[in-house]
Amino acid sequence: MQKIAILQSNYIPWKGYFDIINDVDLFIFYDDVQYTKHDWRNRNRIKTPDGVKWITIDVESHITQLIYEVTFKNKRWNIKQWETIKQFYGKAPFFKQYRPFFEDLYLGKAYESLSEFNQYSIQQIAGEILGIKTKFADSRIYEGTKKKTDRLIDILTKAGASTYISGPAAKAYIEKDKFIDAGINLIYKNYSDYPIYPQLYESFEHGVTILDLIYNVGADAPWYIWGWREAY
């Protein structure tokens, strides 16, 4: 039995996403559900001299597509994204140290879909930079036809979960009783009290891509995500 989290893959997500990954034994990408526009799948936020700005990958999508079916609208999306990142983080203290890693992430591999890039980049950042040992899987391997909470329970049962760690936003719709009936402990992640770190530009902001933390504090990034809790 093991701790498991199930989330849609996001575009270079914020530190809280990696905090959940570090909490569990198995992290399952939930990309065989409907794609939602204007969400975290294809965009995230960065710090700039003019405040927090969105960086967005242009994608081809329609209302019936699942996340893993979404493809790129522009074949040069990766070059555009990397140039934007260099523009606003090029002067960050640890940009040069991590430049080869992220340059290869964006330019060194061809991706057929948004989901492929998101899943690959998340796993690489988690393992190679943050030192997370969590295993990863894709929800498509747990075949089933159930929907919503029943689908989550089905995946968790097949994966041998004893505990399910969920983002706090799920409180609005998750059916807690079904987890109790399945014998699975339900825990909601607490994103509060993250320590402030040295950040480029004025007005500190927690809700930005993990790139911001990595480029500003380097190898100390894990401490600012979960390591600080050990002091309390």
C-alpha atoms as a PDB file:
ATOM      1  CA  MET A   1       0.000   0.000   0.000  1.00  0.00           C
ATOM      2  CA  GLN A   2       1.290   3.461  -0.812  1.00  0.00           C
ATOM      3  CA  LYS A   3       0.647   7.198  -0.890  1.00  0.00           C
ATOM      4  CA  ILE A   4      -0.551   8.379  -4.300  1.00  0.00           C
ATOM      5  CA  ALA A   5      -1.413  11.696  -5.953  1.00  0.00           C
ATOM      6  CA  ILE A   6      -3.288  12.066  -9.249  1.00  0.00           C
ATOM      7  CA  LEU A   7      -3.112  15.358 -11.146  1.00  0.00           C
ATOM      8  CA  GLN A   8      -3.315  16.670 -14.686  1.00  0.00           C
ATOM      9  CA  SER A   9       0.069  17.561 -16.134  1.00  0.00           C
ATOM     10  CA  ASN A  10       0.776  21.310 -16.059  1.00  0.00           C
ATOM     11  CA  TYR A  11       3.181  23.538 -17.954  1.00  0.00           C
ATOM     12  CA  ILE A  12       6.337  23.978 -15.824  1.00  0.00           C
ATOM     13  CA  PRO A  13       4.161  24.092 -12.686  1.00  0.00           C
ATOM     14  CA  TRP A  14       4.672  26.008  -9.482  1.00  0.00           C
ATOM     15  CA  LYS A  15       6.492  24.715  -6.406  1.00  0.00           C
ATOM     16  CA  GLY A  16       3.310  23.391  -4.762  1.00  0.00           C
ATOM     17  CA  TYR A  17       2.892  20.857  -7.564  1.00  0.00           C
ATOM     18  CA  PHE A  18       6.349  19.447  -6.823  1.00  0.00           C
ATOM     19  CA  ASP A  19       5.581  19.538  -3.106  1.00  0.00           C
ATOM     20  CA  ILE A  20       2.758  17.056  -3.694  1.00  0.00           C
ATOM     21  CA  ILE A  21       5.005  14.900  -5.868  1.00  0.00           C
ATOM     22  CA  ASN A  22       7.567  14.730  -3.071  1.00  0.00           C
ATOM     23  CA  ASP A  23       4.859  13.708  -0.587  1.00  0.00           C
ATOM     24  CA  VAL A  24       3.884  10.506  -2.369  1.00  0.00           C
ATOM     25  CA  ASP A  25       5.301   7.160  -3.440  1.00  0.00           C
ATOM     26  CA  LEU A  26       3.554   7.249  -6.827  1.00  0.00           C
ATOM     27  CA  PHE A  27       2.439  10.266  -8.827  1.00  0.00           C
ATOM     28  CA  ILE A  28      -0.060   9.582 -11.616  1.00  0.00           C
ATOM     29  CA  PHE A  29      -0.542  12.018 -14.485  1.00  0.00           C
ATOM     30  CA  TYR A  30      -4.276  12.348 -15.136  1.00  0.00           C
ATOM     31  CA  ASP A  31      -4.198  13.317 -18.813  1.00  0.00           C
ATOM     32  CA  ASP A  32      -7.030  11.166 -20.165  1.00  0.00           C
ATOM     33  CA  VAL A  33      -9.627  13.724 -19.056  1.00  0.00           C
ATOM     34  CA  GLN A  34     -11.047  16.703 -20.950  1.00  0.00           C
ATOM     35  CA  TYR A  35      -8.689  19.527 -21.797  1.00  0.00           C
ATOM     36  CA  THR A  36      -9.690  22.877 -20.298  1.00  0.00           C
ATOM     37  CA  LYS A  37      -8.753  26.165 -21.951  1.00  0.00           C
ATOM     38  CA  HIS A  38      -7.284  29.098 -20.025  1.00  0.00           C
ATOM     39  CA  ASP A  39      -5.929  26.717 -17.423  1.00  0.00           C
ATOM     40  CA  TRP A  40      -2.509  25.551 -16.209  1.00  0.00           C
ATOM     41  CA  ARG A  41      -2.066  22.874 -18.894  1.00  0.00           C
ATOM     42  CA  ASN A  42      -0.450  25.186 -21.465  1.00  0.00           C
ATOM     43  CA  ARG A  43       0.508  28.279 -19.495  1.00  0.00           C
ATOM     44  CA  ASN A  44       2.122  29.540 -16.316  1.00  0.00           C
ATOM     45  CA  ARG A  45       3.308  32.760 -14.736  1.00  0.00           C
ATOM     46  CA  ILE A  46       6.744  34.346 -14.511  1.00  0.00           C
ATOM     47  CA  LYS A  47       8.176  37.448 -12.835  1.00  0.00           C
ATOM     48  CA  THR A  48       9.085  40.413 -15.066  1.00  0.00           C
ATOM     49  CA  PRO A  49      10.087  44.056 -14.449  1.00  0.00           C
ATOM     50  CA  ASP A  50       6.450  44.932 -15.208  1.00  0.00           C
ATOM     51  CA  GLY A  51       4.992  42.455 -12.760  1.00  0.00           C
ATOM     52  CA  VAL A  52       3.754  38.882 -13.071  1.00  0.00           C
ATOM     53  CA  LYS A  53       3.082  37.841 -16.676  1.00  0.00           C
ATOM     54  CA  TRP A  54       1.672  34.738 -18.370  1.00  0.00           C
ATOM     55  CA  ILE A  55       3.763  32.627 -20.720  1.00  0.00           C
ATOM     56  CA  THR A  56       1.517  30.528 -22.928  1.00  0.00           C
ATOM     57  CA  ILE A  57       2.058  27.722 -25.437  1.00  0.00           C
ATOM     58  CA  ASP A  58      -0.289  28.067 -28.411  1.00  0.00           C
ATOM     59  CA  VAL A  59      -2.071  24.759 -28.893  1.00  0.00           C
ATOM     60  CA  GLU A  60      -4.568  23.123 -31.228  1.00  0.00           C
ATOM     61  CA  SER A  61      -7.554  22.032 -29.198  1.00  0.00           C
ATOM     62  CA  HIS A  62     -11.311  21.677 -29.312  1.00  0.00           C
ATOM     63  CA  ILE A  63     -13.995  21.121 -26.710  1.00  0.00           C
ATOM     64  CA  THR A  64     -14.044  17.321 -26.946  1.00  0.00           C
ATOM     65  CA  GLN A  65     -10.291  16.711 -26.768  1.00  0.00           C
ATOM     66  CA  LEU A  66      -8.600  14.956 -23.891  1.00  0.00           C
ATOM     67  CA  ILE A  67      -5.427  16.498 -22.506  1.00  0.00           C
ATOM     68  CA  TYR A  68      -3.099  13.932 -24.072  1.00  0.00           C
ATOM     69  CA  GLU A  69      -4.618  14.632 -27.509  1.00  0.00           C
ATOM     70  CA  VAL A  70      -3.728  18.345 -27.555  1.00  0.00           C
ATOM     71  CA  THR A  71      -0.966  19.319 -29.988  1.00  0.00           C
ATOM     72  CA  PHE A  72       1.033  22.463 -30.724  1.00  0.00           C
ATOM     73  CA  LYS A  73      -0.257  25.182 -33.037  1.00  0.00           C
ATOM     74  CA  ASN A  74       3.208  26.521 -33.833  1.00  0.00           C
ATOM     75  CA  LYS A  75       6.143  24.169 -34.484  1.00  0.00           C
ATOM     76  CA  ARG A  76       8.505  26.807 -33.105  1.00  0.00           C
ATOM     77  CA  TRP A  77       6.667  27.053 -29.765  1.00  0.00           C
ATOM     78  CA  ASN A  78       9.677  25.708 -27.902  1.00  0.00           C
ATOM     79  CA  ILE A  79      12.037  28.333 -29.313  1.00  0.00           C
ATOM     80  CA  LYS A  80       9.596  31.120 -28.434  1.00  0.00           C
ATOM     81  CA  GLN A  81       9.190  29.872 -24.878  1.00  0.00           C
ATOM     82  CA  TRP A  82      12.909  29.461 -24.299  1.00  0.00           C
ATOM     83  CA  GLU A  83      13.645  32.962 -25.626  1.00  0.00           C
ATOM     84  CA  THR A  84      11.075  34.421 -23.231  1.00  0.00           C
ATOM     85  CA  ILE A  85      12.582  32.567 -20.287  1.00  0.00           C
ATOM     86  CA  LYS A  86      16.087  33.778 -21.192  1.00  0.00           C
ATOM     87  CA  GLN A  87      14.825  37.343 -21.519  1.00  0.00           C
ATOM     88  CA  PHE A  88      13.374  37.548 -18.018  1.00  0.00           C
ATOM     89  CA  TYR A  89      15.587  35.141 -16.068  1.00  0.00           C
ATOM     90  CA  GLY A  90      18.922  35.570 -17.825  1.00  0.00           C
ATOM     91  CA  LYS A  91      20.243  37.728 -14.974  1.00  0.00           C
ATOM     92  CA  ALA A  92      19.022  35.462 -12.187  1.00  0.00           C
ATOM     93  CA  PRO A  93      21.834  34.169  -9.904  1.00  0.00           C
ATOM     94  CA  PHE A  94      21.608  30.527 -11.037  1.00  0.00           C
ATOM     95  CA  PHE A  95      20.451  30.905 -14.628  1.00  0.00           C
ATOM     96  CA  LYS A  96      23.843  30.022 -16.119  1.00  0.00           C
ATOM     97  CA  GLN A  97      24.176  26.928 -13.936  1.00  0.00           C
ATOM     98  CA  TYR A  98      20.847  25.509 -15.104  1.00  0.00           C
ATOM     99  CA  ARG A  99      20.884  26.866 -18.635  1.00  0.00           C
ATOM    100  CA  PRO A 100      22.176  23.635 -20.256  1.00  0.00           C
ATOM    101  CA  PHE A 101      19.490  21.581 -18.532  1.00  0.00           C
ATOM    102  CA  PHE A 102      16.551  23.761 -19.551  1.00  0.00           C
ATOM    103  CA  GLU A 103      17.916  24.576 -22.988  1.00  0.00           C
ATOM    104  CA  ASP A 104      18.094  20.864 -23.701  1.00  0.00           C
ATOM    105  CA  LEU A 105      14.624  20.379 -22.192  1.00  0.00           C
ATOM    106  CA  TYR A 106      13.134  22.863 -24.638  1.00  0.00           C
ATOM    107  CA  LEU A 107      15.340  22.475 -27.700  1.00  0.00           C
ATOM    108  CA  GLY A 108      17.007  19.080 -27.445  1.00  0.00           C
ATOM    109  CA  LYS A 109      13.974  16.847 -27.922  1.00  0.00           C
ATOM    110  CA  ALA A 110      10.985  16.783 -30.288  1.00  0.00           C
ATOM    111  CA  TYR A 111       7.569  16.534 -28.596  1.00  0.00           C
ATOM    112  CA  GLU A 112       4.422  15.342 -30.321  1.00  0.00           C
ATOM    113  CA  SER A 113       1.943  16.730 -27.799  1.00  0.00           C
ATOM    114  CA  LEU A 114       1.543  19.142 -24.906  1.00  0.00           C
ATOM    115  CA  SER A 115       1.073  16.256 -22.487  1.00  0.00           C
ATOM    116  CA  GLU A 116       4.313  14.637 -23.620  1.00  0.00           C
ATOM    117  CA  PHE A 117       6.297  17.811 -22.949  1.00  0.00           C
ATOM    118  CA  ASN A 118       4.576  18.502 -19.634  1.00  0.00           C
ATOM    119  CA  GLN A 119       5.044  14.993 -18.282  1.00  0.00           C
ATOM    120  CA  TYR A 120       8.650  14.736 -19.434  1.00  0.00           C
ATOM    121  CA  SER A 121       9.665  18.163 -18.101  1.00  0.00           C
ATOM    122  CA  ILE A 122       7.996  17.590 -14.728  1.00  0.00           C
ATOM    123  CA  GLN A 123       9.748  14.253 -14.280  1.00  0.00           C
ATOM    124  CA  GLN A 124      13.119  15.686 -15.298  1.00  0.00           C
ATOM    125  CA  ILE A 125      12.858  18.689 -12.983  1.00  0.00           C
ATOM    126  CA  ALA A 126      11.632  16.513 -10.104  1.00  0.00           C
ATOM    127  CA  GLY A 127      14.380  13.930 -10.409  1.00  0.00           C
ATOM    128  CA  GLU A 128      17.381  15.764 -11.808  1.00  0.00           C
ATOM    129  CA  ILE A 129      17.080  19.136 -10.064  1.00  0.00           C
ATOM    130  CA  LEU A 130      14.936  18.628  -6.949  1.00  0.00           C
ATOM    131  CA  GLY A 131      16.166  15.119  -6.131  1.00  0.00           C
ATOM    132  CA  ILE A 132      12.673  13.660  -5.765  1.00  0.00           C
ATOM    133  CA  LYS A 133      12.567   9.838  -5.743  1.00  0.00           C
ATOM    134  CA  THR A 134       8.824   9.447  -6.424  1.00  0.00           C
ATOM    135  CA  LYS A 135       7.753   7.061  -9.184  1.00  0.00           C
ATOM    136  CA  PHE A 136       5.547   8.286 -12.054  1.00  0.00           C
ATOM    137  CA  ALA A 137       2.758   6.687 -14.071  1.00  0.00           C
ATOM    138  CA  ASP A 138       0.105   7.669 -16.607  1.00  0.00           C
ATOM    139  CA  SER A 139      -3.600   7.230 -15.827  1.00  0.00           C
ATOM    140  CA  ARG A 140      -4.142   5.566 -19.217  1.00  0.00           C
ATOM    141  CA  ILE A 141      -2.545   2.372 -17.958  1.00  0.00           C
ATOM    142  CA  TYR A 142      -5.392   2.009 -15.457  1.00  0.00           C
ATOM    143  CA  GLU A 143      -8.136   1.336 -17.961  1.00  0.00           C
ATOM    144  CA  GLY A 144     -11.692   2.078 -16.933  1.00  0.00           C
ATOM    145  CA  THR A 145     -14.936   3.793 -17.878  1.00  0.00           C
ATOM    146  CA  LYS A 146     -15.910   5.364 -14.573  1.00  0.00           C
ATOM    147  CA  LYS A 147     -16.160   9.140 -14.146  1.00  0.00           C
ATOM    148  CA  LYS A 148     -15.125  11.783 -11.609  1.00  0.00           C
ATOM    149  CA  THR A 149     -14.598  10.479  -8.053  1.00  0.00           C
ATOM    150  CA  ASP A 150     -15.398   6.903  -9.067  1.00  0.00           C
ATOM    151  CA  ARG A 151     -12.624   7.076 -11.661  1.00  0.00           C
ATOM    152  CA  LEU A 152     -10.137   8.321  -9.076  1.00  0.00           C
ATOM    153  CA  ILE A 153     -11.111   5.555  -6.665  1.00  0.00           C
ATOM    154  CA  ASP A 154     -10.754   2.990  -9.446  1.00  0.00           C
ATOM    155  CA  ILE A 155      -7.244   4.180 -10.311  1.00  0.00           C
ATOM    156  CA  LEU A 156      -6.186   4.357  -6.676  1.00  0.00           C
ATOM    157  CA  THR A 157      -7.490   0.866  -5.960  1.00  0.00           C
ATOM    158  CA  LYS A 158      -5.715  -0.623  -8.971  1.00  0.00           C
ATOM    159  CA  ALA A 159      -2.499   1.167  -8.019  1.00  0.00           C
ATOM    160  CA  GLY A 160      -2.639  -0.127  -4.432  1.00  0.00           C
ATOM    161  CA  ALA A 161      -3.205   3.181  -2.650  1.00  0.00           C
ATOM    162  CA  SER A 162      -3.588   3.464   1.106  1.00  0.00           C
ATOM    163  CA  THR A 163      -3.571   7.273   1.049  1.00  0.00           C
ATOM    164  CA  TYR A 164      -4.625   9.811  -1.570  1.00  0.00           C
ATOM    165  CA  ILE A 165      -3.118  13.297  -1.392  1.00  0.00           C
ATOM    166  CA  SER A 166      -5.212  15.885  -3.207  1.00  0.00           C
ATOM    167  CA  GLY A 167      -4.888  19.567  -3.960  1.00  0.00           C
ATOM    168  CA  PRO A 168      -7.104  21.744  -1.723  1.00  0.00           C
ATOM    169  CA  ALA A 169      -9.262  22.953  -4.623  1.00  0.00           C
ATOM    170  CA  ALA A 170     -10.746  19.439  -4.908  1.00  0.00           C
ATOM    171  CA  LYS A 171     -12.669  19.967  -1.661  1.00  0.00           C
ATOM    172  CA  ALA A 172     -15.335  21.707  -3.731  1.00  0.00           C
ATOM    173  CA  TYR A 173     -16.301  18.588  -5.656  1.00  0.00           C
ATOM    174  CA  ILE A 174     -14.673  15.472  -4.243  1.00  0.00           C
ATOM    175  CA  GLU A 175     -16.986  12.890  -2.635  1.00  0.00           C
ATOM    176  CA  LYS A 176     -15.239  12.087   0.643  1.00  0.00           C
ATOM    177  CA  ASP A 177     -17.547   9.212   1.602  1.00  0.00           C
ATOM    178  CA  LYS A 178     -16.440   7.196  -1.412  1.00  0.00           C
ATOM    179  CA  PHE A 179     -12.844   7.273  -0.182  1.00  0.00           C
ATOM    180  CA  ILE A 180     -13.966   6.121   3.252  1.00  0.00           C
ATOM    181  CA  ASP A 181     -15.931   3.256   1.684  1.00  0.00           C
ATOM    182  CA  ALA A 182     -12.879   2.251  -0.368  1.00  0.00           C
ATOM    183  CA  GLY A 183     -10.621   2.287   2.704  1.00  0.00           C
ATOM    184  CA  ILE A 184      -8.430   5.055   1.291  1.00  0.00           C
ATOM    185  CA  ASN A 185      -7.225   7.858   3.556  1.00  0.00           C
ATOM    186  CA  LEU A 186      -7.920  11.267   1.977  1.00  0.00           C
ATOM    187  CA  ILE A 187      -5.514  14.126   2.713  1.00  0.00           C
ATOM    188  CA  TYR A 188      -5.701  17.665   1.318  1.00  0.00           C
ATOM    189  CA  LYS A 189      -2.385  19.361   0.654  1.00  0.00           C
ATOM    190  CA  ASN A 190      -1.683  22.563   2.575  1.00  0.00           C
ATOM    191  CA  TYR A 191       0.111  25.168   0.467  1.00  0.00           C
ATOM    192  CA  SER A 192       0.370  27.809   3.197  1.00  0.00           C
ATOM    193  CA  ASP A 193       3.451  29.245   4.910  1.00  0.00           C
ATOM    194  CA  TYR A 194       6.011  28.695   2.145  1.00  0.00           C
ATOM    195  CA  PRO A 195       9.042  30.842   3.032  1.00  0.00           C
ATOM    196  CA  ILE A 196       9.896  33.862   0.921  1.00  0.00           C
ATOM    197  CA  TYR A 197      13.085  33.580  -1.123  1.00  0.00           C
ATOM    198  CA  PRO A 198      15.290  36.108  -2.972  1.00  0.00           C
ATOM    199  CA  GLN A 199      13.349  36.922  -6.143  1.00  0.00           C
ATOM    200  CA  LEU A 200      14.045  39.097  -9.175  1.00  0.00           C
ATOM    201  CA  TYR A 201      12.004  42.270  -9.480  1.00  0.00           C
ATOM    202  CA  GLU A 202       9.797  43.825  -6.808  1.00  0.00           C
ATOM    203  CA  SER A 203       6.643  42.523  -5.114  1.00  0.00           C
ATOM    204  CA  PHE A 204       7.231  38.918  -4.057  1.00  0.00           C
ATOM    205  CA  GLU A 205       4.961  36.307  -5.647  1.00  0.00           C
ATOM    206  CA  HIS A 206       4.595  32.641  -4.629  1.00  0.00           C
ATOM    207  CA  GLY A 207       2.313  31.640  -7.499  1.00  0.00           C
ATOM    208  CA  VAL A 208       4.818  31.443 -10.336  1.00  0.00           C
ATOM    209  CA  THR A 209       6.525  28.649 -12.256  1.00  0.00           C
ATOM    210  CA  ILE A 210       9.147  26.494 -10.491  1.00  0.00           C
ATOM    211  CA  LEU A 211      11.698  28.084 -12.836  1.00  0.00           C
ATOM    212  CA  ASP A 212      11.582  31.218 -10.704  1.00  0.00           C
ATOM    213  CA  LEU A 213      12.646  29.353  -7.573  1.00  0.00           C
ATOM    214  CA  ILE A 214      15.324  27.297  -9.313  1.00  0.00           C
ATOM    215  CA  TYR A 215      16.926  30.256 -11.080  1.00  0.00           C
ATOM    216  CA  ASN A 216      16.927  32.366  -7.907  1.00  0.00           C
ATOM    217  CA  VAL A 217      18.100  29.912  -5.222  1.00  0.00           C
ATOM    218  CA  GLY A 218      19.644  27.008  -7.152  1.00  0.00           C
ATOM    219  CA  ALA A 219      20.305  23.819  -5.192  1.00  0.00           C
ATOM    220  CA  ASP A 220      18.492  25.263  -2.163  1.00  0.00           C
ATOM    221  CA  ALA A 221      15.157  25.002  -4.014  1.00  0.00           C
ATOM    222  CA  PRO A 222      14.010  21.834  -2.164  1.00  0.00           C
ATOM    223  CA  TRP A 223      14.432  23.597   1.194  1.00  0.00           C
ATOM    224  CA  TYR A 224      12.029  26.349   0.115  1.00  0.00           C
ATOM    225  CA  ILE A 225       9.442  23.763  -0.999  1.00  0.00           C
ATOM    226  CA  TRP A 226       9.487  21.162   1.794  1.00  0.00           C
ATOM    227  CA  GLY A 227      12.810  21.257   3.657  1.00  0.00           C
ATOM    228  CA  TRP A 228      11.828  24.254   5.798  1.00  0.00           C
ATOM    229  CA  ARG A 229       9.131  22.207   7.535  1.00  0.00           C
ATOM    230  CA  GLU A 230      11.786  20.114   9.270  1.00  0.00           C
ATOM    231  CA  ALA A 231      12.676  23.162  11.378  1.00  0.00           C
ATOM    232  CA  TYR A 232       9.191  23.217  12.946  1.00  0.00           C
END
